[in-house]
Amino acid sequence: LSEVKPWDVSSTAIRELAHSHARMGDVKSAMRHVDVFDEVHSAQLLIEILALGLTGTILKEREKLGSNFLTGVETNPVVQGAVNEVVEFIPKLGDWAEHVRQLPQKTRQQCFAEAFNELLLSCGRAHAVKVSFRVLEWMEALAIPKDAFTYEAIGVNVVKRITRLQKVWDLPQAPEDKVCPEVVFAGRSNVGKSSLVNMLLNRSAIAPTSSRPGRTKTMDFFDVNHGHPALPRFRLVDVPGLGFARVSHELRERWIALIGGYFVQRQSLKVVFHLLDAGLCELMPADRELWRLLAQAKRSDYELCIVLTKADNSVPSQLERFANIVREALRREGSDLAV
């Protein structure tokens, strides 16, 4: 094997041999073939091996156990052994990360995105949420562009059960506080909040969407993973959009009071996801209004995460420019929130 060159036709056979070992669940034998290739192809083969190994193990266990497979997948010793191999071997990507990052963006996506996505999905099938986020960290480290399948995989991994609790017009109607962590999605009207919520929850229409701004008129609470044996329970909150929705001044002011009161009073709140339209590449008055509500809450026990939506209408340089605009604007605001 040490005499085979990456460009030799035999390399195809070696790659298939590694794949076959992985499909049979023998990841350690498959890993013996990784260093035969150059840095980039070694990294690519490593991800393929881990994805095929975990997927193959899950399929074999599912075939053996039938309907009983899902009831204890997170404690299945064979599946967890395959998950542990992902944890053991994926740090080896660090040996080749610099070579991968030097590839053109399109090449990185073509070579690595599909294998990473399959590995993410397999982590989800194994209920290994923490490991799936470790895989995402390596996507970041190698600068692998994410696609729609990546984000779908994240949703599939984290969300298994969903219950819409209630629609809230006034805070006293909200579900009981301090039950589980809450994350809220907020932003300007028509920025894509409900579409993002539907994607992350892996549902097509659980949150109302429309080309007409202002479809979300209440604060909607979703209970996620309640009663699931392995996945963390949390609540996702979708709030009305601020800005140019075609509603009365009275209703708009009512929304502002509802959202501002939520930021002040809700002790379960852990993360505020503020969605910004990357296609516009500028901050709108409604965006600054949201920051004002956060500042007035005078709390430092939750984090702010900026989400750039509609990125398909922007080029990477425009996205980076807009991100810098947002960072500078937040710095000038003097916000104590972690970003």
C-alpha atoms as a PDB file:
ATOM      1  CA  LEU A   1       0.000   0.000   0.000  1.00  0.00           C
ATOM      2  CA  SER A   2       2.831   2.409   0.769  1.00  0.00           C
ATOM      3  CA  GLU A   3       3.982   2.211  -2.867  1.00  0.00           C
ATOM      4  CA  VAL A   4       0.616   3.220  -4.353  1.00  0.00           C
ATOM      5  CA  LYS A   5       0.425   6.837  -5.533  1.00  0.00           C
ATOM      6  CA  PRO A   6      -2.790   8.868  -5.211  1.00  0.00           C
ATOM      7  CA  TRP A   7      -3.027   9.235  -8.973  1.00  0.00           C
ATOM      8  CA  ASP A   8      -2.568   5.508  -9.570  1.00  0.00           C
ATOM      9  CA  VAL A   9      -5.646   3.656 -10.773  1.00  0.00           C
ATOM     10  CA  SER A  10      -5.204   1.324  -7.807  1.00  0.00           C
ATOM     11  CA  SER A  11      -6.193   4.182  -5.489  1.00  0.00           C
ATOM     12  CA  THR A  12      -9.808   3.677  -6.579  1.00  0.00           C
ATOM     13  CA  ALA A  13      -9.667   0.069  -5.419  1.00  0.00           C
ATOM     14  CA  ILE A  14      -8.100   1.087  -2.100  1.00  0.00           C
ATOM     15  CA  ARG A  15     -10.800   3.689  -1.536  1.00  0.00           C
ATOM     16  CA  GLU A  16     -13.496   1.096  -2.234  1.00  0.00           C
ATOM     17  CA  LEU A  17     -11.756  -1.352   0.111  1.00  0.00           C
ATOM     18  CA  ALA A  18     -11.818   1.281   2.868  1.00  0.00           C
ATOM     19  CA  HIS A  19     -15.502   1.940   2.157  1.00  0.00           C
ATOM     20  CA  SER A  20     -16.267  -1.778   2.358  1.00  0.00           C
ATOM     21  CA  HIS A  21     -14.541  -2.112   5.726  1.00  0.00           C
ATOM     22  CA  ALA A  22     -16.548   0.866   6.997  1.00  0.00           C
ATOM     23  CA  ARG A  23     -19.889  -0.462   5.735  1.00  0.00           C
ATOM     24  CA  MET A  24     -19.184  -3.695   7.610  1.00  0.00           C
ATOM     25  CA  GLY A  25     -18.610  -1.677  10.771  1.00  0.00           C
ATOM     26  CA  ASP A  26     -14.842  -2.236  10.811  1.00  0.00           C
ATOM     27  CA  VAL A  27     -13.766   1.407  10.962  1.00  0.00           C
ATOM     28  CA  LYS A  28     -10.353   0.653  12.455  1.00  0.00           C
ATOM     29  CA  SER A  29      -9.403  -1.510   9.450  1.00  0.00           C
ATOM     30  CA  ALA A  30     -10.723   1.152   7.083  1.00  0.00           C
ATOM     31  CA  MET A  31      -8.578   3.774   8.792  1.00  0.00           C
ATOM     32  CA  ARG A  32      -5.425   1.849   7.821  1.00  0.00           C
ATOM     33  CA  HIS A  33      -5.940   3.050   4.232  1.00  0.00           C
ATOM     34  CA  VAL A  34      -6.390   6.763   4.967  1.00  0.00           C
ATOM     35  CA  ASP A  35      -2.730   7.804   4.939  1.00  0.00           C
ATOM     36  CA  VAL A  36      -2.121   6.283   1.493  1.00  0.00           C
ATOM     37  CA  PHE A  37      -3.440   9.446  -0.169  1.00  0.00           C
ATOM     38  CA  ASP A  38      -2.448  13.093  -0.208  1.00  0.00           C
ATOM     39  CA  GLU A  39      -3.718  15.424   2.522  1.00  0.00           C
ATOM     40  CA  VAL A  40      -6.955  16.481   0.846  1.00  0.00           C
ATOM     41  CA  HIS A  41      -7.995  13.001  -0.267  1.00  0.00           C
ATOM     42  CA  SER A  42      -7.030  11.565   3.125  1.00  0.00           C
ATOM     43  CA  ALA A  43      -9.342  14.043   4.826  1.00  0.00           C
ATOM     44  CA  GLN A  44     -12.119  13.252   2.367  1.00  0.00           C
ATOM     45  CA  LEU A  45     -11.740   9.498   2.879  1.00  0.00           C
ATOM     46  CA  LEU A  46     -11.744   9.897   6.661  1.00  0.00           C
ATOM     47  CA  ILE A  47     -15.138  11.619   6.657  1.00  0.00           C
ATOM     48  CA  GLU A  48     -16.525   9.034   4.221  1.00  0.00           C
ATOM     49  CA  ILE A  49     -15.297   6.190   6.452  1.00  0.00           C
ATOM     50  CA  LEU A  50     -16.849   7.655   9.587  1.00  0.00           C
ATOM     51  CA  ALA A  51     -20.158   8.348   7.811  1.00  0.00           C
ATOM     52  CA  LEU A  52     -20.344   4.892   6.238  1.00  0.00           C
ATOM     53  CA  GLY A  53     -19.229   3.181   9.447  1.00  0.00           C
ATOM     54  CA  LEU A  54     -21.878   4.798  11.639  1.00  0.00           C
ATOM     55  CA  THR A  55     -24.610   4.443   8.991  1.00  0.00           C
ATOM     56  CA  GLY A  56     -23.724   0.775   8.375  1.00  0.00           C
ATOM     57  CA  THR A  57     -23.768  -0.024  12.084  1.00  0.00           C
ATOM     58  CA  ILE A  58     -27.158   1.636  12.546  1.00  0.00           C
ATOM     59  CA  LEU A  59     -28.654  -0.217   9.580  1.00  0.00           C
ATOM     60  CA  LYS A  60     -27.408  -3.587  10.836  1.00  0.00           C
ATOM     61  CA  GLU A  61     -28.737  -2.977  14.350  1.00  0.00           C
ATOM     62  CA  ARG A  62     -32.072  -1.773  12.975  1.00  0.00           C
ATOM     63  CA  GLU A  63     -32.379  -4.917  10.873  1.00  0.00           C
ATOM     64  CA  LYS A  64     -31.525  -7.115  13.856  1.00  0.00           C
ATOM     65  CA  LEU A  65     -33.741  -5.404  16.441  1.00  0.00           C
ATOM     66  CA  GLY A  66     -36.642  -4.284  14.263  1.00  0.00           C
ATOM     67  CA  SER A  67     -39.141  -1.967  15.961  1.00  0.00           C
ATOM     68  CA  ASN A  68     -37.216  -2.197  19.251  1.00  0.00           C
ATOM     69  CA  PHE A  69     -34.240  -0.380  17.758  1.00  0.00           C
ATOM     70  CA  LEU A  70     -35.469   3.189  18.347  1.00  0.00           C
ATOM     71  CA  THR A  71     -36.521   2.607  21.960  1.00  0.00           C
ATOM     72  CA  GLY A  72     -32.947   2.249  23.147  1.00  0.00           C
ATOM     73  CA  VAL A  73     -30.680   3.508  20.407  1.00  0.00           C
ATOM     74  CA  GLU A  74     -28.897   5.946  22.722  1.00  0.00           C
ATOM     75  CA  THR A  75     -27.869   3.063  25.009  1.00  0.00           C
ATOM     76  CA  ASN A  76     -27.245   0.438  22.314  1.00  0.00           C
ATOM     77  CA  PRO A  77     -23.612  -0.627  22.936  1.00  0.00           C
ATOM     78  CA  VAL A  78     -22.909  -1.424  19.281  1.00  0.00           C
ATOM     79  CA  VAL A  79     -24.210   1.936  18.049  1.00  0.00           C
ATOM     80  CA  GLN A  80     -22.460   3.820  20.836  1.00  0.00           C
ATOM     81  CA  GLY A  81     -19.242   2.031  19.945  1.00  0.00           C
ATOM     82  CA  ALA A  82     -19.526   3.407  16.409  1.00  0.00           C
ATOM     83  CA  VAL A  83     -20.271   6.870  17.809  1.00  0.00           C
ATOM     84  CA  ASN A  84     -17.166   6.649  19.997  1.00  0.00           C
ATOM     85  CA  GLU A  85     -15.101   5.853  16.890  1.00  0.00           C
ATOM     86  CA  VAL A  86     -16.309   9.122  15.336  1.00  0.00           C
ATOM     87  CA  VAL A  87     -15.143  10.954  18.449  1.00  0.00           C
ATOM     88  CA  GLU A  88     -11.815   9.098  18.388  1.00  0.00           C
ATOM     89  CA  PHE A  89     -10.873   9.557  14.745  1.00  0.00           C
ATOM     90  CA  ILE A  90     -12.364  12.876  13.625  1.00  0.00           C
ATOM     91  CA  PRO A  91      -9.640  14.980  15.359  1.00  0.00           C
ATOM     92  CA  LYS A  92      -7.209  13.528  12.791  1.00  0.00           C
ATOM     93  CA  LEU A  93      -8.705  16.058  10.362  1.00  0.00           C
ATOM     94  CA  GLY A  94      -6.540  18.619  12.123  1.00  0.00           C
ATOM     95  CA  ASP A  95      -3.479  17.127  10.386  1.00  0.00           C
ATOM     96  CA  TRP A  96      -4.874  18.106   6.984  1.00  0.00           C
ATOM     97  CA  ALA A  97      -7.073  21.120   7.772  1.00  0.00           C
ATOM     98  CA  GLU A  98      -4.744  23.736   6.292  1.00  0.00           C
ATOM     99  CA  HIS A  99      -4.507  21.908   2.956  1.00  0.00           C
ATOM    100  CA  VAL A 100      -8.302  21.602   2.766  1.00  0.00           C
ATOM    101  CA  ARG A 101      -8.857  25.288   3.568  1.00  0.00           C
ATOM    102  CA  GLN A 102      -6.584  26.252   0.666  1.00  0.00           C
ATOM    103  CA  LEU A 103      -8.915  24.613  -1.854  1.00  0.00           C
ATOM    104  CA  PRO A 104     -11.363  26.796  -3.812  1.00  0.00           C
ATOM    105  CA  GLN A 105     -14.711  27.090  -2.050  1.00  0.00           C
ATOM    106  CA  LYS A 106     -16.592  25.187  -4.745  1.00  0.00           C
ATOM    107  CA  THR A 107     -14.086  22.317  -4.600  1.00  0.00           C
ATOM    108  CA  ARG A 108     -14.383  22.135  -0.798  1.00  0.00           C
ATOM    109  CA  GLN A 109     -18.134  21.845  -1.087  1.00  0.00           C
ATOM    110  CA  GLN A 110     -18.034  19.234  -3.845  1.00  0.00           C
ATOM    111  CA  CYS A 111     -15.479  17.084  -2.024  1.00  0.00           C
ATOM    112  CA  PHE A 112     -16.721  17.278   1.558  1.00  0.00           C
ATOM    113  CA  ALA A 113     -20.276  18.590   2.011  1.00  0.00           C
ATOM    114  CA  GLU A 114     -22.126  15.385   1.110  1.00  0.00           C
ATOM    115  CA  ALA A 115     -19.981  13.185   3.375  1.00  0.00           C
ATOM    116  CA  PHE A 116     -20.257  15.640   6.275  1.00  0.00           C
ATOM    117  CA  ASN A 117     -24.045  15.811   5.823  1.00  0.00           C
ATOM    118  CA  GLU A 118     -24.335  12.028   5.887  1.00  0.00           C
ATOM    119  CA  LEU A 119     -22.223  11.904   9.051  1.00  0.00           C
ATOM    120  CA  LEU A 120     -24.470  14.533  10.656  1.00  0.00           C
ATOM    121  CA  LEU A 121     -27.592  12.550   9.763  1.00  0.00           C
ATOM    122  CA  SER A 122     -26.074   9.360  11.157  1.00  0.00           C
ATOM    123  CA  CYS A 123     -25.252  11.118  14.428  1.00  0.00           C
ATOM    124  CA  GLY A 124     -28.909  12.100  14.563  1.00  0.00           C
ATOM    125  CA  ARG A 125     -30.049   8.532  13.945  1.00  0.00           C
ATOM    126  CA  ALA A 126     -27.840   7.504  16.870  1.00  0.00           C
ATOM    127  CA  HIS A 127     -29.286  10.312  19.040  1.00  0.00           C
ATOM    128  CA  ALA A 128     -25.717  11.591  19.462  1.00  0.00           C
ATOM    129  CA  VAL A 129     -26.498  15.314  19.498  1.00  0.00           C
ATOM    130  CA  LYS A 130     -23.275  16.452  21.166  1.00  0.00           C
ATOM    131  CA  VAL A 131     -21.198  14.506  18.660  1.00  0.00           C
ATOM    132  CA  SER A 132     -23.110  16.026  15.743  1.00  0.00           C
ATOM    133  CA  PHE A 133     -22.167  19.498  16.964  1.00  0.00           C
ATOM    134  CA  ARG A 134     -18.555  18.349  17.179  1.00  0.00           C
ATOM    135  CA  VAL A 135     -18.863  17.340  13.519  1.00  0.00           C
ATOM    136  CA  LEU A 136     -20.200  20.817  12.737  1.00  0.00           C
ATOM    137  CA  GLU A 137     -17.180  22.340  14.478  1.00  0.00           C
ATOM    138  CA  TRP A 138     -14.928  20.398  12.099  1.00  0.00           C
ATOM    139  CA  MET A 139     -16.930  21.670   9.136  1.00  0.00           C
ATOM    140  CA  GLU A 140     -16.125  25.154  10.401  1.00  0.00           C
ATOM    141  CA  ALA A 141     -12.460  24.291  10.954  1.00  0.00           C
ATOM    142  CA  LEU A 142     -12.124  23.032   7.375  1.00  0.00           C
ATOM    143  CA  ALA A 143     -14.243  25.922   6.007  1.00  0.00           C
ATOM    144  CA  ILE A 144     -16.687  23.543   4.337  1.00  0.00           C
ATOM    145  CA  PRO A 145     -19.686  25.505   2.969  1.00  0.00           C
ATOM    146  CA  LYS A 146     -22.996  24.361   4.447  1.00  0.00           C
ATOM    147  CA  ASP A 147     -26.002  23.752   2.233  1.00  0.00           C
ATOM    148  CA  ALA A 148     -29.722  23.148   2.764  1.00  0.00           C
ATOM    149  CA  PHE A 149     -29.051  19.476   3.580  1.00  0.00           C
ATOM    150  CA  THR A 150     -26.642  20.510   6.361  1.00  0.00           C
ATOM    151  CA  TYR A 151     -29.269  22.622   8.101  1.00  0.00           C
ATOM    152  CA  GLU A 152     -31.912  19.963   7.568  1.00  0.00           C
ATOM    153  CA  ALA A 153     -29.579  17.469   9.233  1.00  0.00           C
ATOM    154  CA  ILE A 154     -29.172  19.782  12.227  1.00  0.00           C
ATOM    155  CA  GLY A 155     -32.943  20.007  12.611  1.00  0.00           C
ATOM    156  CA  VAL A 156     -33.363  16.240  12.298  1.00  0.00           C
ATOM    157  CA  ASN A 157     -30.660  15.695  14.935  1.00  0.00           C
ATOM    158  CA  VAL A 158     -31.939  18.074  17.572  1.00  0.00           C
ATOM    159  CA  VAL A 159     -35.712  17.934  17.083  1.00  0.00           C
ATOM    160  CA  LYS A 160     -37.686  14.711  17.379  1.00  0.00           C
ATOM    161  CA  ARG A 161     -40.919  15.761  19.091  1.00  0.00           C
ATOM    162  CA  ILE A 162     -42.827  19.033  18.735  1.00  0.00           C
ATOM    163  CA  THR A 163     -45.937  20.340  20.454  1.00  0.00           C
ATOM    164  CA  ARG A 164     -47.412  23.774  19.817  1.00  0.00           C
ATOM    165  CA  LEU A 165     -48.270  24.949  23.304  1.00  0.00           C
ATOM    166  CA  GLN A 166     -50.276  28.075  22.600  1.00  0.00           C
ATOM    167  CA  LYS A 167     -50.523  31.409  20.852  1.00  0.00           C
ATOM    168  CA  VAL A 168     -49.965  34.312  23.218  1.00  0.00           C
ATOM    169  CA  TRP A 169     -51.401  37.829  22.893  1.00  0.00           C
ATOM    170  CA  ASP A 170     -50.407  38.925  26.417  1.00  0.00           C
ATOM    171  CA  LEU A 171     -47.618  37.660  28.665  1.00  0.00           C
ATOM    172  CA  PRO A 172     -49.941  36.410  31.435  1.00  0.00           C
ATOM    173  CA  GLN A 173     -51.189  33.868  28.873  1.00  0.00           C
ATOM    174  CA  ALA A 174     -47.688  32.438  28.346  1.00  0.00           C
ATOM    175  CA  PRO A 175     -46.859  28.871  29.423  1.00  0.00           C
ATOM    176  CA  GLU A 176     -45.365  28.344  32.851  1.00  0.00           C
ATOM    177  CA  ASP A 177     -41.888  29.877  33.202  1.00  0.00           C
ATOM    178  CA  LYS A 178     -38.707  28.134  34.451  1.00  0.00           C
ATOM    179  CA  VAL A 179     -39.734  24.730  33.057  1.00  0.00           C
ATOM    180  CA  CYS A 180     -37.003  24.373  30.433  1.00  0.00           C
ATOM    181  CA  PRO A 181     -34.690  26.683  28.423  1.00  0.00           C
ATOM    182  CA  GLU A 182     -36.283  28.939  25.810  1.00  0.00           C
ATOM    183  CA  VAL A 183     -34.860  30.331  22.580  1.00  0.00           C
ATOM    184  CA  VAL A 184     -36.623  33.127  20.734  1.00  0.00           C
ATOM    185  CA  PHE A 185     -36.503  34.031  17.030  1.00  0.00           C
ATOM    186  CA  ALA A 186     -37.026  37.746  16.428  1.00  0.00           C
ATOM    187  CA  GLY A 187     -36.445  40.270  13.684  1.00  0.00           C
ATOM    188  CA  ARG A 188     -37.929  42.611  11.137  1.00  0.00           C
ATOM    189  CA  SER A 189     -41.170  41.657   9.455  1.00  0.00           C
ATOM    190  CA  ASN A 190     -40.646  39.451   6.364  1.00  0.00           C
ATOM    191  CA  VAL A 191     -37.054  38.615   7.310  1.00  0.00           C
ATOM    192  CA  GLY A 192     -37.767  34.867   7.156  1.00  0.00           C
ATOM    193  CA  LYS A 193     -38.347  33.945  10.801  1.00  0.00           C
ATOM    194  CA  SER A 194     -41.145  31.457  10.265  1.00  0.00           C
ATOM    195  CA  SER A 195     -39.348  29.825   7.330  1.00  0.00           C
ATOM    196  CA  LEU A 196     -36.265  29.297   9.486  1.00  0.00           C
ATOM    197  CA  VAL A 197     -38.369  27.924  12.352  1.00  0.00           C
ATOM    198  CA  ASN A 198     -40.061  25.461   9.989  1.00  0.00           C
ATOM    199  CA  MET A 199     -36.695  24.319   8.643  1.00  0.00           C
ATOM    200  CA  LEU A 200     -35.081  23.858  12.060  1.00  0.00           C
ATOM    201  CA  LEU A 201     -38.120  22.009  13.375  1.00  0.00           C
ATOM    202  CA  ASN A 202     -38.165  19.903  10.182  1.00  0.00           C
ATOM    203  CA  ARG A 203     -41.808  20.750   9.533  1.00  0.00           C
ATOM    204  CA  SER A 204     -43.220  22.365   6.413  1.00  0.00           C
ATOM    205  CA  ALA A 205     -45.843  24.653   7.931  1.00  0.00           C
ATOM    206  CA  ILE A 206     -45.814  24.559  11.734  1.00  0.00           C
ATOM    207  CA  ALA A 207     -45.078  28.300  11.744  1.00  0.00           C
ATOM    208  CA  PRO A 208     -47.175  30.404   9.312  1.00  0.00           C
ATOM    209  CA  THR A 209     -45.332  31.821   6.311  1.00  0.00           C
ATOM    210  CA  SER A 210     -46.438  34.262   3.639  1.00  0.00           C
ATOM    211  CA  SER A 211     -44.991  36.571   0.999  1.00  0.00           C
ATOM    212  CA  ARG A 212     -47.029  39.295   2.687  1.00  0.00           C
ATOM    213  CA  PRO A 213     -45.298  40.714   5.788  1.00  0.00           C
ATOM    214  CA  GLY A 214     -46.913  40.341   9.201  1.00  0.00           C
ATOM    215  CA  ARG A 215     -48.296  36.792   9.025  1.00  0.00           C
ATOM    216  CA  THR A 216     -47.154  36.003  12.586  1.00  0.00           C
ATOM    217  CA  LYS A 217     -49.455  38.030  14.846  1.00  0.00           C
ATOM    218  CA  THR A 218     -48.939  36.265  18.182  1.00  0.00           C
ATOM    219  CA  MET A 219     -46.077  34.954  20.272  1.00  0.00           C
ATOM    220  CA  ASP A 220     -46.062  31.229  19.469  1.00  0.00           C
ATOM    221  CA  PHE A 221     -44.543  28.723  21.913  1.00  0.00           C
ATOM    222  CA  PHE A 222     -43.358  25.287  20.733  1.00  0.00           C
ATOM    223  CA  ASP A 223     -42.357  22.563  23.196  1.00  0.00           C
ATOM    224  CA  VAL A 224     -39.509  20.530  21.699  1.00  0.00           C
ATOM    225  CA  ASN A 225     -38.486  16.989  22.747  1.00  0.00           C
ATOM    226  CA  HIS A 226     -40.793  16.852  25.775  1.00  0.00           C
ATOM    227  CA  GLY A 227     -40.506  13.337  27.183  1.00  0.00           C
ATOM    228  CA  HIS A 228     -37.747  12.210  24.828  1.00  0.00           C
ATOM    229  CA  PRO A 229     -35.338   9.864  26.623  1.00  0.00           C
ATOM    230  CA  ALA A 230     -32.121  11.203  25.088  1.00  0.00           C
ATOM    231  CA  LEU A 231     -32.579  14.657  23.564  1.00  0.00           C
ATOM    232  CA  PRO A 232     -32.686  17.947  25.486  1.00  0.00           C
ATOM    233  CA  ARG A 233     -36.065  19.569  26.024  1.00  0.00           C
ATOM    234  CA  PHE A 234     -36.448  23.238  25.174  1.00  0.00           C
ATOM    235  CA  ARG A 235     -39.035  25.729  23.995  1.00  0.00           C
ATOM    236  CA  LEU A 236     -38.801  27.627  20.752  1.00  0.00           C
ATOM    237  CA  VAL A 237     -40.605  30.969  20.614  1.00  0.00           C
ATOM    238  CA  ASP A 238     -41.615  32.688  17.362  1.00  0.00           C
ATOM    239  CA  VAL A 239     -42.591  36.345  17.835  1.00  0.00           C
ATOM    240  CA  PRO A 240     -44.280  38.891  15.540  1.00  0.00           C
ATOM    241  CA  GLY A 241     -41.987  40.750  13.173  1.00  0.00           C
ATOM    242  CA  LEU A 242     -41.196  44.398  13.764  1.00  0.00           C
ATOM    243  CA  GLY A 243     -41.162  47.049  11.074  1.00  0.00           C
ATOM    244  CA  PHE A 244     -43.243  47.456   7.975  1.00  0.00           C
ATOM    245  CA  ALA A 245     -45.994  44.877   8.488  1.00  0.00           C
ATOM    246  CA  ARG A 246     -49.320  46.249   7.273  1.00  0.00           C
ATOM    247  CA  VAL A 247     -50.986  46.515  10.655  1.00  0.00           C
ATOM    248  CA  SER A 248     -52.384  49.348  12.712  1.00  0.00           C
ATOM    249  CA  HIS A 249     -50.171  51.536  14.869  1.00  0.00           C
ATOM    250  CA  GLU A 250     -52.010  50.223  17.930  1.00  0.00           C
ATOM    251  CA  LEU A 251     -51.268  46.591  17.081  1.00  0.00           C
ATOM    252  CA  ARG A 252     -47.640  47.364  16.269  1.00  0.00           C
ATOM    253  CA  GLU A 253     -47.196  49.062  19.650  1.00  0.00           C
ATOM    254  CA  ARG A 254     -48.844  46.070  21.303  1.00  0.00           C
ATOM    255  CA  TRP A 255     -46.297  43.748  19.666  1.00  0.00           C
ATOM    256  CA  ILE A 256     -43.402  45.930  20.841  1.00  0.00           C
ATOM    257  CA  ALA A 257     -44.739  45.858  24.418  1.00  0.00           C
ATOM    258  CA  LEU A 258     -45.245  42.077  24.228  1.00  0.00           C
ATOM    259  CA  ILE A 259     -41.723  41.380  22.954  1.00  0.00           C
ATOM    260  CA  GLY A 260     -40.086  43.894  25.297  1.00  0.00           C
ATOM    261  CA  GLY A 261     -41.961  42.469  28.275  1.00  0.00           C
ATOM    262  CA  TYR A 262     -40.860  38.959  27.303  1.00  0.00           C
ATOM    263  CA  PHE A 263     -37.197  40.038  27.279  1.00  0.00           C
ATOM    264  CA  VAL A 264     -37.589  41.579  30.744  1.00  0.00           C
ATOM    265  CA  GLN A 265     -39.683  38.970  32.525  1.00  0.00           C
ATOM    266  CA  ARG A 266     -39.029  35.549  31.029  1.00  0.00           C
ATOM    267  CA  GLN A 267     -36.450  33.807  33.232  1.00  0.00           C
ATOM    268  CA  SER A 268     -36.284  30.729  30.976  1.00  0.00           C
ATOM    269  CA  LEU A 269     -34.881  32.769  28.069  1.00  0.00           C
ATOM    270  CA  LYS A 270     -31.354  31.626  27.118  1.00  0.00           C
ATOM    271  CA  VAL A 271     -30.746  32.746  23.507  1.00  0.00           C
ATOM    272  CA  VAL A 272     -32.191  35.504  21.323  1.00  0.00           C
ATOM    273  CA  PHE A 273     -31.742  34.760  17.626  1.00  0.00           C
ATOM    274  CA  HIS A 274     -31.947  38.104  15.806  1.00  0.00           C
ATOM    275  CA  LEU A 275     -32.547  37.579  12.091  1.00  0.00           C
ATOM    276  CA  LEU A 276     -31.168  40.133   9.633  1.00  0.00           C
ATOM    277  CA  ASP A 277     -31.796  40.262   5.882  1.00  0.00           C
ATOM    278  CA  ALA A 278     -28.389  39.727   4.243  1.00  0.00           C
ATOM    279  CA  GLY A 279     -29.852  40.653   0.871  1.00  0.00           C
ATOM    280  CA  LEU A 280     -30.354  44.235   2.055  1.00  0.00           C
ATOM    281  CA  CYS A 281     -26.871  44.483   3.585  1.00  0.00           C
ATOM    282  CA  GLU A 282     -27.983  47.251   5.941  1.00  0.00           C
ATOM    283  CA  LEU A 283     -29.554  47.611   9.370  1.00  0.00           C
ATOM    284  CA  MET A 284     -33.149  48.803   9.371  1.00  0.00           C
ATOM    285  CA  PRO A 285     -34.890  50.883  12.067  1.00  0.00           C
ATOM    286  CA  ALA A 286     -36.781  47.776  13.225  1.00  0.00           C
ATOM    287  CA  ASP A 287     -33.455  46.013  13.874  1.00  0.00           C
ATOM    288  CA  ARG A 288     -32.258  48.832  16.100  1.00  0.00           C
ATOM    289  CA  GLU A 289     -35.660  48.816  17.805  1.00  0.00           C
ATOM    290  CA  LEU A 290     -35.068  45.204  18.789  1.00  0.00           C
ATOM    291  CA  TRP A 291     -31.645  46.063  20.201  1.00  0.00           C
ATOM    292  CA  ARG A 292     -33.286  48.886  22.173  1.00  0.00           C
ATOM    293  CA  LEU A 293     -35.731  46.400  23.715  1.00  0.00           C
ATOM    294  CA  LEU A 294     -32.853  44.095  24.637  1.00  0.00           C
ATOM    295  CA  ALA A 295     -30.914  46.977  26.205  1.00  0.00           C
ATOM    296  CA  GLN A 296     -33.953  48.092  28.205  1.00  0.00           C
ATOM    297  CA  ALA A 297     -34.276  44.591  29.651  1.00  0.00           C
ATOM    298  CA  LYS A 298     -30.927  45.158  31.425  1.00  0.00           C
ATOM    299  CA  ARG A 299     -30.111  41.463  31.569  1.00  0.00           C
ATOM    300  CA  SER A 300     -26.903  39.570  30.913  1.00  0.00           C
ATOM    301  CA  ASP A 301     -28.119  36.013  31.524  1.00  0.00           C
ATOM    302  CA  TYR A 302     -28.965  35.254  27.900  1.00  0.00           C
ATOM    303  CA  GLU A 303     -27.017  35.510  24.660  1.00  0.00           C
ATOM    304  CA  LEU A 304     -27.620  37.265  21.363  1.00  0.00           C
ATOM    305  CA  CYS A 305     -26.980  35.335  18.156  1.00  0.00           C
ATOM    306  CA  ILE A 306     -27.123  37.189  14.837  1.00  0.00           C
ATOM    307  CA  VAL A 307     -28.564  35.147  11.946  1.00  0.00           C
ATOM    308  CA  LEU A 308     -28.111  36.365   8.360  1.00  0.00           C
ATOM    309  CA  THR A 309     -31.069  35.171   6.280  1.00  0.00           C
ATOM    310  CA  LYS A 310     -31.677  35.136   2.515  1.00  0.00           C
ATOM    311  CA  ALA A 311     -27.982  34.523   1.967  1.00  0.00           C
ATOM    312  CA  ASP A 312     -28.715  33.008  -1.442  1.00  0.00           C
ATOM    313  CA  ASN A 313     -29.208  36.601  -2.638  1.00  0.00           C
ATOM    314  CA  SER A 314     -25.695  37.582  -1.493  1.00  0.00           C
ATOM    315  CA  VAL A 315     -22.109  36.728  -2.359  1.00  0.00           C
ATOM    316  CA  PRO A 316     -19.663  35.761   0.426  1.00  0.00           C
ATOM    317  CA  SER A 317     -17.891  39.130   0.317  1.00  0.00           C
ATOM    318  CA  GLN A 318     -21.211  40.919   0.809  1.00  0.00           C
ATOM    319  CA  LEU A 319     -22.082  38.654   3.737  1.00  0.00           C
ATOM    320  CA  GLU A 320     -18.747  39.384   5.409  1.00  0.00           C
ATOM    321  CA  ARG A 321     -19.151  43.109   4.812  1.00  0.00           C
ATOM    322  CA  PHE A 322     -22.617  43.061   6.371  1.00  0.00           C
ATOM    323  CA  ALA A 323     -21.345  41.001   9.324  1.00  0.00           C
ATOM    324  CA  ASN A 324     -18.690  43.656   9.964  1.00  0.00           C
ATOM    325  CA  ILE A 325     -21.353  46.378   9.809  1.00  0.00           C
ATOM    326  CA  VAL A 326     -23.391  44.524  12.430  1.00  0.00           C
ATOM    327  CA  ARG A 327     -20.380  43.964  14.694  1.00  0.00           C
ATOM    328  CA  GLU A 328     -19.439  47.641  14.566  1.00  0.00           C
ATOM    329  CA  ALA A 329     -23.032  48.745  15.177  1.00  0.00           C
ATOM    330  CA  LEU A 330     -23.299  46.483  18.221  1.00  0.00           C
ATOM    331  CA  ARG A 331     -19.979  47.797  19.507  1.00  0.00           C
ATOM    332  CA  ARG A 332     -21.273  51.350  19.253  1.00  0.00           C
ATOM    333  CA  GLU A 333     -24.437  50.318  21.054  1.00  0.00           C
ATOM    334  CA  GLY A 334     -22.242  49.233  23.963  1.00  0.00           C
ATOM    335  CA  SER A 335     -24.273  46.084  24.477  1.00  0.00           C
ATOM    336  CA  ASP A 336     -23.123  43.721  27.220  1.00  0.00           C
ATOM    337  CA  LEU A 337     -24.753  40.786  25.452  1.00  0.00           C
ATOM    338  CA  ALA A 338     -22.468  38.058  24.196  1.00  0.00           C
ATOM    339  CA  VAL A 339     -22.606  37.868  20.405  1.00  0.00           C
END
